[in-house]
Amino acid sequence: MLQPIDRLTLAEFERSPTELLERLDDTGRALALTVSGRPRAIVLGVQDYERLVELADRAETIESIRRGLEDVKAGRMMTLEEFDRAMRRRFEERGDA
């Protein structure tokens, strides 16, 4: 699980990046780097980043499955044979066959 975020200025990070990255590894808490008081970047540990990428990939897969199931439910589907015939017609019309 992702930990809360620690906030610090970009200048603070630039003064001791190695120490702060070690703290990130020790605590698991991401760092929000601020400029003029506004968050500008997030520094995450590699494991947290990889976990976020995996979760995003899963969410995209689930959404694709959901859309596919909606298509089936709405009758927006065809057999492989129907698809093959449709593609052959399309290529013949374009002169690509």
PDB file of N, CA and C in Angstrom:
ATOM      1  N   MET A   1       0.843  -1.181   0.000  1.00  0.00           N
ATOM      2  CA  MET A   1       0.000   0.000   0.000  1.00  0.00           C
ATOM      3  C   MET A   1       0.885   1.241   0.000  1.00  0.00           C
ATOM      4  N   LEU A   2       0.461   2.243  -0.732  1.00  0.00           N
ATOM      5  CA  LEU A   2       1.222   3.486  -0.775  1.00  0.00           C
ATOM      6  C   LEU A   2       1.107   4.216   0.549  1.00  0.00           C
ATOM      7  N   GLN A   3       2.204   4.793   0.954  1.00  0.00           N
ATOM      8  CA  GLN A   3       2.248   5.554   2.196  1.00  0.00           C
ATOM      9  C   GLN A   3       1.914   7.018   1.912  1.00  0.00           C
ATOM     10  N   PRO A   4       1.613   7.788   2.962  1.00  0.00           N
ATOM     11  CA  PRO A   4       1.388   9.231   2.775  1.00  0.00           C
ATOM     12  C   PRO A   4       2.622   9.901   2.164  1.00  0.00           C
ATOM     13  N   ILE A   5       2.418  11.087   1.679  1.00  0.00           N
ATOM     14  CA  ILE A   5       3.478  11.830   0.991  1.00  0.00           C
ATOM     15  C   ILE A   5       4.109  12.856   1.926  1.00  0.00           C
ATOM     16  N   ASP A   6       5.447  12.912   1.909  1.00  0.00           N
ATOM     17  CA  ASP A   6       6.175  13.968   2.613  1.00  0.00           C
ATOM     18  C   ASP A   6       6.408  15.109   1.628  1.00  0.00           C
ATOM     19  N   ARG A   7       6.201  16.344   2.084  1.00  0.00           N
ATOM     20  CA  ARG A   7       6.405  17.510   1.220  1.00  0.00           C
ATOM     21  C   ARG A   7       7.716  18.191   1.584  1.00  0.00           C
ATOM     22  N   LEU A   8       8.449  18.599   0.564  1.00  0.00           N
ATOM     23  CA  LEU A   8       9.642  19.404   0.774  1.00  0.00           C
ATOM     24  C   LEU A   8       9.904  20.207  -0.487  1.00  0.00           C
ATOM     25  N   THR A   9      10.683  21.245  -0.329  1.00  0.00           N
ATOM     26  CA  THR A   9      10.963  22.098  -1.482  1.00  0.00           C
ATOM     27  C   THR A   9      11.993  21.422  -2.383  1.00  0.00           C
ATOM     28  N   LEU A  10      11.985  21.837  -3.620  1.00  0.00           N
ATOM     29  CA  LEU A  10      12.980  21.327  -4.559  1.00  0.00           C
ATOM     30  C   LEU A  10      14.383  21.674  -4.068  1.00  0.00           C
ATOM     31  N   ALA A  11      14.552  22.866  -3.504  1.00  0.00           N
ATOM     32  CA  ALA A  11      15.862  23.277  -2.983  1.00  0.00           C
ATOM     33  C   ALA A  11      16.312  22.348  -1.858  1.00  0.00           C
ATOM     34  N   GLU A  12      15.393  21.950  -0.965  1.00  0.00           N
ATOM     35  CA  GLU A  12      15.743  21.010   0.110  1.00  0.00           C
ATOM     36  C   GLU A  12      16.193  19.672  -0.479  1.00  0.00           C
ATOM     37  N   PHE A  13      15.493  19.227  -1.493  1.00  0.00           N
ATOM     38  CA  PHE A  13      15.857  17.959  -2.127  1.00  0.00           C
ATOM     39  C   PHE A  13      17.233  18.071  -2.780  1.00  0.00           C
ATOM     40  N   GLU A  14      17.494  19.199  -3.440  1.00  0.00           N
ATOM     41  CA  GLU A  14      18.780  19.382  -4.122  1.00  0.00           C
ATOM     42  C   GLU A  14      19.952  19.415  -3.145  1.00  0.00           C
ATOM     43  N   ARG A  15      19.719  19.878  -1.906  1.00  0.00           N
ATOM     44  CA  ARG A  15      20.795  19.951  -0.912  1.00  0.00           C
ATOM     45  C   ARG A  15      21.233  18.570  -0.431  1.00  0.00           C
ATOM     46  N   SER A  16      20.307  17.623  -0.358  1.00  0.00           N
ATOM     47  CA  SER A  16      20.684  16.300   0.169  1.00  0.00           C
ATOM     48  C   SER A  16      19.876  15.183  -0.503  1.00  0.00           C
ATOM     49  N   PRO A  17      20.027  15.037  -1.806  1.00  0.00           N
ATOM     50  CA  PRO A  17      19.218  14.042  -2.516  1.00  0.00           C
ATOM     51  C   PRO A  17      19.466  12.605  -2.051  1.00  0.00           C
ATOM     52  N   THR A  18      20.716  12.252  -1.800  1.00  0.00           N
ATOM     53  CA  THR A  18      21.017  10.878  -1.392  1.00  0.00           C
ATOM     54  C   THR A  18      20.348  10.546  -0.071  1.00  0.00           C
ATOM     55  N   GLU A  19      20.454  11.452   0.893  1.00  0.00           N
ATOM     56  CA  GLU A  19      19.833  11.242   2.207  1.00  0.00           C
ATOM     57  C   GLU A  19      18.312  11.113   2.069  1.00  0.00           C
ATOM     58  N   LEU A  20      17.722  11.965   1.253  1.00  0.00           N
ATOM     59  CA  LEU A  20      16.270  11.934   1.096  1.00  0.00           C
ATOM     60  C   LEU A  20      15.802  10.677   0.361  1.00  0.00           C
ATOM     61  N   LEU A  21      16.584  10.206  -0.604  1.00  0.00           N
ATOM     62  CA  LEU A  21      16.229   8.963  -1.284  1.00  0.00           C
ATOM     63  C   LEU A  21      16.357   7.771  -0.339  1.00  0.00           C
ATOM     64  N   GLU A  22      17.357   7.815   0.544  1.00  0.00           N
ATOM     65  CA  GLU A  22      17.480   6.758   1.557  1.00  0.00           C
ATOM     66  C   GLU A  22      16.278   6.792   2.495  1.00  0.00           C
ATOM     67  N   ARG A  23      15.841   7.999   2.876  1.00  0.00           N
ATOM     68  CA  ARG A  23      14.654   8.132   3.731  1.00  0.00           C
ATOM     69  C   ARG A  23      13.426   7.570   3.029  1.00  0.00           C
ATOM     70  N   LEU A  24      13.316   7.846   1.733  1.00  0.00           N
ATOM     71  CA  LEU A  24      12.208   7.306   0.951  1.00  0.00           C
ATOM     72  C   LEU A  24      12.242   5.778   0.999  1.00  0.00           C
ATOM     73  N   ASP A  25      13.424   5.187   0.814  1.00  0.00           N
ATOM     74  CA  ASP A  25      13.549   3.731   0.873  1.00  0.00           C
ATOM     75  C   ASP A  25      13.192   3.198   2.251  1.00  0.00           C
ATOM     76  N   ASP A  26      13.626   3.886   3.306  1.00  0.00           N
ATOM     77  CA  ASP A  26      13.383   3.433   4.682  1.00  0.00           C
ATOM     78  C   ASP A  26      11.914   3.541   5.078  1.00  0.00           C
ATOM     79  N   THR A  27      11.268   4.638   4.702  1.00  0.00           N
ATOM     80  CA  THR A  27       9.900   4.891   5.170  1.00  0.00           C
ATOM     81  C   THR A  27       8.827   4.437   4.180  1.00  0.00           C
ATOM     82  N   GLY A  28       9.184   4.362   2.900  1.00  0.00           N
ATOM     83  CA  GLY A  28       8.190   4.046   1.881  1.00  0.00           C
ATOM     84  C   GLY A  28       7.298   5.229   1.548  1.00  0.00           C
ATOM     85  N   ARG A  29       7.598   6.385   2.120  1.00  0.00           N
ATOM     86  CA  ARG A  29       6.775   7.573   1.888  1.00  0.00           C
ATOM     87  C   ARG A  29       7.315   8.338   0.683  1.00  0.00           C
ATOM     88  N   ALA A  30       6.437   8.598  -0.276  1.00  0.00           N
ATOM     89  CA  ALA A  30       6.817   9.365  -1.460  1.00  0.00           C
ATOM     90  C   ALA A  30       7.138  10.802  -1.061  1.00  0.00           C
ATOM     91  N   LEU A  31       7.860  11.475  -1.929  1.00  0.00           N
ATOM     92  CA  LEU A  31       8.218  12.870  -1.686  1.00  0.00           C
ATOM     93  C   LEU A  31       7.520  13.754  -2.712  1.00  0.00           C
ATOM     94  N   ALA A  32       6.832  14.779  -2.234  1.00  0.00           N
ATOM     95  CA  ALA A  32       6.254  15.787  -3.120  1.00  0.00           C
ATOM     96  C   ALA A  32       7.216  16.964  -3.125  1.00  0.00           C
ATOM     97  N   LEU A  33       7.775  17.250  -4.273  1.00  0.00           N
ATOM     98  CA  LEU A  33       8.705  18.372  -4.387  1.00  0.00           C
ATOM     99  C   LEU A  33       7.919  19.614  -4.785  1.00  0.00           C
ATOM    100  N   THR A  34       8.111  20.680  -4.015  1.00  0.00           N
ATOM    101  CA  THR A  34       7.362  21.905  -4.264  1.00  0.00           C
ATOM    102  C   THR A  34       8.272  23.004  -4.789  1.00  0.00           C
ATOM    103  N   VAL A  35       7.680  23.869  -5.584  1.00  0.00           N
ATOM    104  CA  VAL A  35       8.343  25.074  -6.077  1.00  0.00           C
ATOM    105  C   VAL A  35       7.363  26.209  -5.833  1.00  0.00           C
ATOM    106  N   SER A  36       7.820  27.232  -5.139  1.00  0.00           N
ATOM    107  CA  SER A  36       6.954  28.365  -4.777  1.00  0.00           C
ATOM    108  C   SER A  36       5.708  27.888  -4.030  1.00  0.00           C
ATOM    109  N   GLY A  37       5.890  26.873  -3.191  1.00  0.00           N
ATOM    110  CA  GLY A  37       4.801  26.381  -2.355  1.00  0.00           C
ATOM    111  C   GLY A  37       3.812  25.454  -3.044  1.00  0.00           C
ATOM    112  N   ARG A  38       4.018  25.204  -4.328  1.00  0.00           N
ATOM    113  CA  ARG A  38       3.083  24.343  -5.070  1.00  0.00           C
ATOM    114  C   ARG A  38       3.759  23.029  -5.449  1.00  0.00           C
ATOM    115  N   PRO A  39       3.076  21.910  -5.268  1.00  0.00           N
ATOM    116  CA  PRO A  39       3.658  20.627  -5.669  1.00  0.00           C
ATOM    117  C   PRO A  39       3.942  20.611  -7.170  1.00  0.00           C
ATOM    118  N   ARG A  40       5.142  20.167  -7.528  1.00  0.00           N
ATOM    119  CA  ARG A  40       5.526  20.123  -8.942  1.00  0.00           C
ATOM    120  C   ARG A  40       5.902  18.727  -9.406  1.00  0.00           C
ATOM    121  N   ALA A  41       6.336  17.870  -8.477  1.00  0.00           N
ATOM    122  CA  ALA A  41       6.739  16.515  -8.869  1.00  0.00           C
ATOM    123  C   ALA A  41       6.623  15.592  -7.666  1.00  0.00           C
ATOM    124  N   ILE A  42       6.453  14.310  -7.970  1.00  0.00           N
ATOM    125  CA  ILE A  42       6.404  13.283  -6.939  1.00  0.00           C
ATOM    126  C   ILE A  42       7.574  12.340  -7.174  1.00  0.00           C
ATOM    127  N   VAL A  43       8.308  12.047  -6.110  1.00  0.00           N
ATOM    128  CA  VAL A  43       9.396  11.077  -6.176  1.00  0.00           C
ATOM    129  C   VAL A  43       8.921   9.828  -5.446  1.00  0.00           C
ATOM    130  N   LEU A  44       8.864   8.722  -6.180  1.00  0.00           N
ATOM    131  CA  LEU A  44       8.398   7.445  -5.632  1.00  0.00           C
ATOM    132  C   LEU A  44       9.537   6.445  -5.613  1.00  0.00           C
ATOM    133  N   GLY A  45       9.433   5.491  -4.712  1.00  0.00           N
ATOM    134  CA  GLY A  45      10.334   4.355  -4.756  1.00  0.00           C
ATOM    135  C   GLY A  45       9.999   3.507  -5.974  1.00  0.00           C
ATOM    136  N   VAL A  46      10.959   2.753  -6.443  1.00  0.00           N
ATOM    137  CA  VAL A  46      10.768   1.944  -7.642  1.00  0.00           C
ATOM    138  C   VAL A  46       9.636   0.939  -7.452  1.00  0.00           C
ATOM    139  N   GLN A  47       9.571   0.281  -6.307  1.00  0.00           N
ATOM    140  CA  GLN A  47       8.514  -0.707  -6.077  1.00  0.00           C
ATOM    141  C   GLN A  47       7.131  -0.058  -6.117  1.00  0.00           C
ATOM    142  N   ASP A  48       6.990   1.114  -5.519  1.00  0.00           N
ATOM    143  CA  ASP A  48       5.697   1.807  -5.554  1.00  0.00           C
ATOM    144  C   ASP A  48       5.326   2.193  -6.982  1.00  0.00           C
ATOM    145  N   TYR A  49       6.306   2.670  -7.738  1.00  0.00           N
ATOM    146  CA  TYR A  49       6.043   3.029  -9.132  1.00  0.00           C
ATOM    147  C   TYR A  49       5.599   1.799  -9.929  1.00  0.00           C
ATOM    148  N   GLU A  50       6.335   0.703  -9.774  1.00  0.00           N
ATOM    149  CA  GLU A  50       5.981  -0.518 -10.499  1.00  0.00           C
ATOM    150  C   GLU A  50       4.591  -1.007 -10.106  1.00  0.00           C
ATOM    151  N   ARG A  51       4.247  -0.879  -8.835  1.00  0.00           N
ATOM    152  CA  ARG A  51       2.913  -1.280  -8.377  1.00  0.00           C
ATOM    153  C   ARG A  51       1.842  -0.395  -9.023  1.00  0.00           C
ATOM    154  N   LEU A  52       2.094   0.904  -9.118  1.00  0.00           N
ATOM    155  CA  LEU A  52       1.138   1.808  -9.768  1.00  0.00           C
ATOM    156  C   LEU A  52       0.962   1.464 -11.246  1.00  0.00           C
ATOM    157  N   VAL A  53       2.057   1.154 -11.921  1.00  0.00           N
ATOM    158  CA  VAL A  53       1.976   0.776 -13.333  1.00  0.00           C
ATOM    159  C   VAL A  53       1.157  -0.502 -13.481  1.00  0.00           C
ATOM    160  N   GLU A  54       1.397  -1.472 -12.605  1.00  0.00           N
ATOM    161  CA  GLU A  54       0.644  -2.726 -12.652  1.00  0.00           C
ATOM    162  C   GLU A  54      -0.845  -2.483 -12.404  1.00  0.00           C
ATOM    163  N   LEU A  55      -1.158  -1.640 -11.430  1.00  0.00           N
ATOM    164  CA  LEU A  55      -2.561  -1.334 -11.143  1.00  0.00           C
ATOM    165  C   LEU A  55      -3.228  -0.616 -12.314  1.00  0.00           C
ATOM    166  N   ALA A  56      -2.512   0.307 -12.934  1.00  0.00           N
ATOM    167  CA  ALA A  56      -3.065   1.014 -14.094  1.00  0.00           C
ATOM    168  C   ALA A  56      -3.312   0.036 -15.240  1.00  0.00           C
ATOM    169  N   ASP A  57      -2.384  -0.891 -15.441  1.00  0.00           N
ATOM    170  CA  ASP A  57      -2.547  -1.889 -16.492  1.00  0.00           C
ATOM    171  C   ASP A  57      -3.761  -2.772 -16.218  1.00  0.00           C
ATOM    172  N   ARG A  58      -3.920  -3.189 -14.974  1.00  0.00           N
ATOM    173  CA  ARG A  58      -5.089  -3.996 -14.605  1.00  0.00           C
ATOM    174  C   ARG A  58      -6.384  -3.226 -14.841  1.00  0.00           C
ATOM    175  N   ALA A  59      -6.392  -1.955 -14.454  1.00  0.00           N
ATOM    176  CA  ALA A  59      -7.596  -1.135 -14.633  1.00  0.00           C
ATOM    177  C   ALA A  59      -7.947  -1.012 -16.116  1.00  0.00           C
ATOM    178  N   GLU A  60      -6.937  -0.823 -16.971  1.00  0.00           N
ATOM    179  CA  GLU A  60      -7.187  -0.733 -18.412  1.00  0.00           C
ATOM    180  C   GLU A  60      -7.724  -2.054 -18.952  1.00  0.00           C
ATOM    181  N   THR A  61      -7.178  -3.165 -18.469  1.00  0.00           N
ATOM    182  CA  THR A  61      -7.649  -4.481 -18.907  1.00  0.00           C
ATOM    183  C   THR A  61      -9.095  -4.697 -18.492  1.00  0.00           C
ATOM    184  N   ILE A  62      -9.410  -4.370 -17.253  1.00  0.00           N
ATOM    185  CA  ILE A  62     -10.779  -4.524 -16.757  1.00  0.00           C
ATOM    186  C   ILE A  62     -11.739  -3.659 -17.565  1.00  0.00           C
ATOM    187  N   GLU A  63     -11.334  -2.432 -17.874  1.00  0.00           N
ATOM    188  CA  GLU A  63     -12.185  -1.540 -18.669  1.00  0.00           C
ATOM    189  C   GLU A  63     -12.396  -2.098 -20.076  1.00  0.00           C
ATOM    190  N   SER A  64     -11.356  -2.663 -20.672  1.00  0.00           N
ATOM    191  CA  SER A  64     -11.495  -3.265 -22.006  1.00  0.00           C
ATOM    192  C   SER A  64     -12.460  -4.442 -21.973  1.00  0.00           C
ATOM    193  N   ILE A  65     -12.365  -5.259 -20.947  1.00  0.00           N
ATOM    194  CA  ILE A  65     -13.283  -6.395 -20.806  1.00  0.00           C
ATOM    195  C   ILE A  65     -14.707  -5.890 -20.627  1.00  0.00           C
ATOM    196  N   ARG A  66     -14.879  -4.864 -19.804  1.00  0.00           N
ATOM    197  CA  ARG A  66     -16.216  -4.306 -19.573  1.00  0.00           C
ATOM    198  C   ARG A  66     -16.824  -3.801 -20.882  1.00  0.00           C
ATOM    199  N   ARG A  67     -16.023  -3.065 -21.670  1.00  0.00           N
ATOM    200  CA  ARG A  67     -16.516  -2.563 -22.958  1.00  0.00           C
ATOM    201  C   ARG A  67     -16.859  -3.717 -23.898  1.00  0.00           C
ATOM    202  N   GLY A  68     -16.036  -4.752 -23.893  1.00  0.00           N
ATOM    203  CA  GLY A  68     -16.309  -5.911 -24.733  1.00  0.00           C
ATOM    204  C   GLY A  68     -17.602  -6.595 -24.339  1.00  0.00           C
ATOM    205  N   LEU A  69     -17.833  -6.735 -23.039  1.00  0.00           N
ATOM    206  CA  LEU A  69     -19.078  -7.347 -22.574  1.00  0.00           C
ATOM    207  C   LEU A  69     -20.285  -6.490 -22.941  1.00  0.00           C
ATOM    208  N   GLU A  70     -20.125  -5.169 -22.886  1.00  0.00           N
ATOM    209  CA  GLU A  70     -21.207  -4.277 -23.319  1.00  0.00           C
ATOM    210  C   GLU A  70     -21.495  -4.464 -24.805  1.00  0.00           C
ATOM    211  N   ASP A  71     -20.432  -4.610 -25.603  1.00  0.00           N
ATOM    212  CA  ASP A  71     -20.618  -4.837 -27.038  1.00  0.00           C
ATOM    213  C   ASP A  71     -21.382  -6.135 -27.286  1.00  0.00           C
ATOM    214  N   VAL A  72     -21.018  -7.186 -26.564  1.00  0.00           N
ATOM    215  CA  VAL A  72     -21.720  -8.464 -26.718  1.00  0.00           C
ATOM    216  C   VAL A  72     -23.183  -8.296 -26.338  1.00  0.00           C
ATOM    217  N   LYS A  73     -23.426  -7.647 -25.207  1.00  0.00           N
ATOM    218  CA  LYS A  73     -24.797  -7.449 -24.731  1.00  0.00           C
ATOM    219  C   LYS A  73     -25.623  -6.644 -25.736  1.00  0.00           C
ATOM    220  N   ALA A  74     -24.990  -5.666 -26.393  1.00  0.00           N
ATOM    221  CA  ALA A  74     -25.692  -4.803 -27.349  1.00  0.00           C
ATOM    222  C   ALA A  74     -25.731  -5.409 -28.758  1.00  0.00           C
ATOM    223  N   GLY A  75     -25.138  -6.584 -28.916  1.00  0.00           N
ATOM    224  CA  GLY A  75     -25.150  -7.228 -30.228  1.00  0.00           C
ATOM    225  C   GLY A  75     -24.120  -6.687 -31.196  1.00  0.00           C
ATOM    226  N   ARG A  76     -23.156  -5.927 -30.699  1.00  0.00           N
ATOM    227  CA  ARG A  76     -22.108  -5.370 -31.560  1.00  0.00           C
ATOM    228  C   ARG A  76     -20.941  -6.363 -31.630  1.00  0.00           C
ATOM    229  N   MET A  77     -21.188  -7.468 -32.317  1.00  0.00           N
ATOM    230  CA  MET A  77     -20.140  -8.476 -32.457  1.00  0.00           C
ATOM    231  C   MET A  77     -20.381  -9.239 -33.745  1.00  0.00           C
ATOM    232  N   MET A  78     -19.372  -9.990 -34.169  1.00  0.00           N
ATOM    233  CA  MET A  78     -19.515 -10.834 -35.347  1.00  0.00           C
ATOM    234  C   MET A  78     -18.626 -12.052 -35.165  1.00  0.00           C
ATOM    235  N   THR A  79     -18.940 -13.089 -35.915  1.00  0.00           N
ATOM    236  CA  THR A  79     -18.117 -14.291 -35.863  1.00  0.00           C
ATOM    237  C   THR A  79     -16.813 -14.022 -36.601  1.00  0.00           C
ATOM    238  N   LEU A  80     -15.854 -14.905 -36.426  1.00  0.00           N
ATOM    239  CA  LEU A  80     -14.584 -14.779 -37.129  1.00  0.00           C
ATOM    240  C   LEU A  80     -14.804 -14.846 -38.641  1.00  0.00           C
ATOM    241  N   GLU A  81     -15.712 -15.705 -39.062  1.00  0.00           N
ATOM    242  CA  GLU A  81     -16.007 -15.825 -40.489  1.00  0.00           C
ATOM    243  C   GLU A  81     -16.605 -14.524 -41.032  1.00  0.00           C
ATOM    244  N   GLU A  82     -17.518 -13.920 -40.285  1.00  0.00           N
ATOM    245  CA  GLU A  82     -18.111 -12.640 -40.709  1.00  0.00           C
ATOM    246  C   GLU A  82     -17.045 -11.553 -40.789  1.00  0.00           C
ATOM    247  N   PHE A  83     -16.156 -11.529 -39.827  1.00  0.00           N
ATOM    248  CA  PHE A  83     -15.070 -10.551 -39.821  1.00  0.00           C
ATOM    249  C   PHE A  83     -14.176 -10.758 -41.042  1.00  0.00           C
ATOM    250  N   ASP A  84     -13.832 -12.008 -41.321  1.00  0.00           N
ATOM    251  CA  ASP A  84     -12.975 -12.323 -42.460  1.00  0.00           C
ATOM    252  C   ASP A  84     -13.617 -11.849 -43.766  1.00  0.00           C
ATOM    253  N   ARG A  85     -14.909 -12.141 -43.944  1.00  0.00           N
ATOM    254  CA  ARG A  85     -15.609 -11.695 -45.163  1.00  0.00           C
ATOM    255  C   ARG A  85     -15.622 -10.170 -45.263  1.00  0.00           C
ATOM    256  N   ALA A  86     -15.890  -9.501 -44.148  1.00  0.00           N
ATOM    257  CA  ALA A  86     -15.945  -8.032 -44.152  1.00  0.00           C
ATOM    258  C   ALA A  86     -14.584  -7.443 -44.514  1.00  0.00           C
ATOM    259  N   MET A  87     -13.513  -7.995 -43.974  1.00  0.00           N
ATOM    260  CA  MET A  87     -12.173  -7.483 -44.280  1.00  0.00           C
ATOM    261  C   MET A  87     -11.809  -7.741 -45.739  1.00  0.00           C
ATOM    262  N   ARG A  88     -12.159  -8.924 -46.242  1.00  0.00           N
ATOM    263  CA  ARG A  88     -11.866  -9.225 -47.649  1.00  0.00           C
ATOM    264  C   ARG A  88     -12.606  -8.255 -48.573  1.00  0.00           C
ATOM    265  N   ARG A  89     -13.890  -7.991 -48.270  1.00  0.00           N
ATOM    266  CA  ARG A  89     -14.658  -7.020 -49.072  1.00  0.00           C
ATOM    267  C   ARG A  89     -14.004  -5.645 -49.022  1.00  0.00           C
ATOM    268  N   ARG A  90     -13.605  -5.227 -47.846  1.00  0.00           N
ATOM    269  CA  ARG A  90     -13.000  -3.899 -47.698  1.00  0.00           C
ATOM    270  C   ARG A  90     -11.715  -3.797 -48.519  1.00  0.00           C
ATOM    271  N   PHE A  91     -10.868  -4.824 -48.454  1.00  0.00           N
ATOM    272  CA  PHE A  91      -9.623  -4.789 -49.220  1.00  0.00           C
ATOM    273  C   PHE A  91      -9.885  -4.854 -50.722  1.00  0.00           C
ATOM    274  N   GLU A  92     -10.899  -5.623 -51.128  1.00  0.00           N
ATOM    275  CA  GLU A  92     -11.241  -5.692 -52.550  1.00  0.00           C
ATOM    276  C   GLU A  92     -11.729  -4.339 -53.052  1.00  0.00           C
ATOM    277  N   GLU A  93     -12.531  -3.648 -52.247  1.00  0.00           N
ATOM    278  CA  GLU A  93     -13.037  -2.327 -52.633  1.00  0.00           C
ATOM    279  C   GLU A  93     -11.898  -1.335 -52.802  1.00  0.00           C
ATOM    280  N   ARG A  94     -10.875  -1.454 -51.979  1.00  0.00           N
ATOM    281  CA  ARG A  94      -9.729  -0.538 -52.051  1.00  0.00           C
ATOM    282  C   ARG A  94      -8.728  -0.961 -53.116  1.00  0.00           C
ATOM    283  N   GLY A  95      -8.888  -2.186 -53.617  1.00  0.00           N
ATOM    284  CA  GLY A  95      -7.946  -2.671 -54.618  1.00  0.00           C
ATOM    285  C   GLY A  95      -6.694  -3.259 -54.012  1.00  0.00           C
ATOM    286  N   ASP A  96      -6.724  -3.576 -52.713  1.00  0.00           N
ATOM    287  CA  ASP A  96      -5.549  -4.128 -52.040  1.00  0.00           C
ATOM    288  C   ASP A  96      -5.477  -5.648 -52.131  1.00  0.00           C
ATOM    289  N   ALA A  97      -6.516  -6.280 -52.639  1.00  0.00           N
ATOM    290  CA  ALA A  97      -6.552  -7.750 -52.631  1.00  0.00           C
ATOM    291  C   ALA A  97      -5.752  -8.338 -53.762  1.00  0.00           C
TER     292      ALA A  97
END
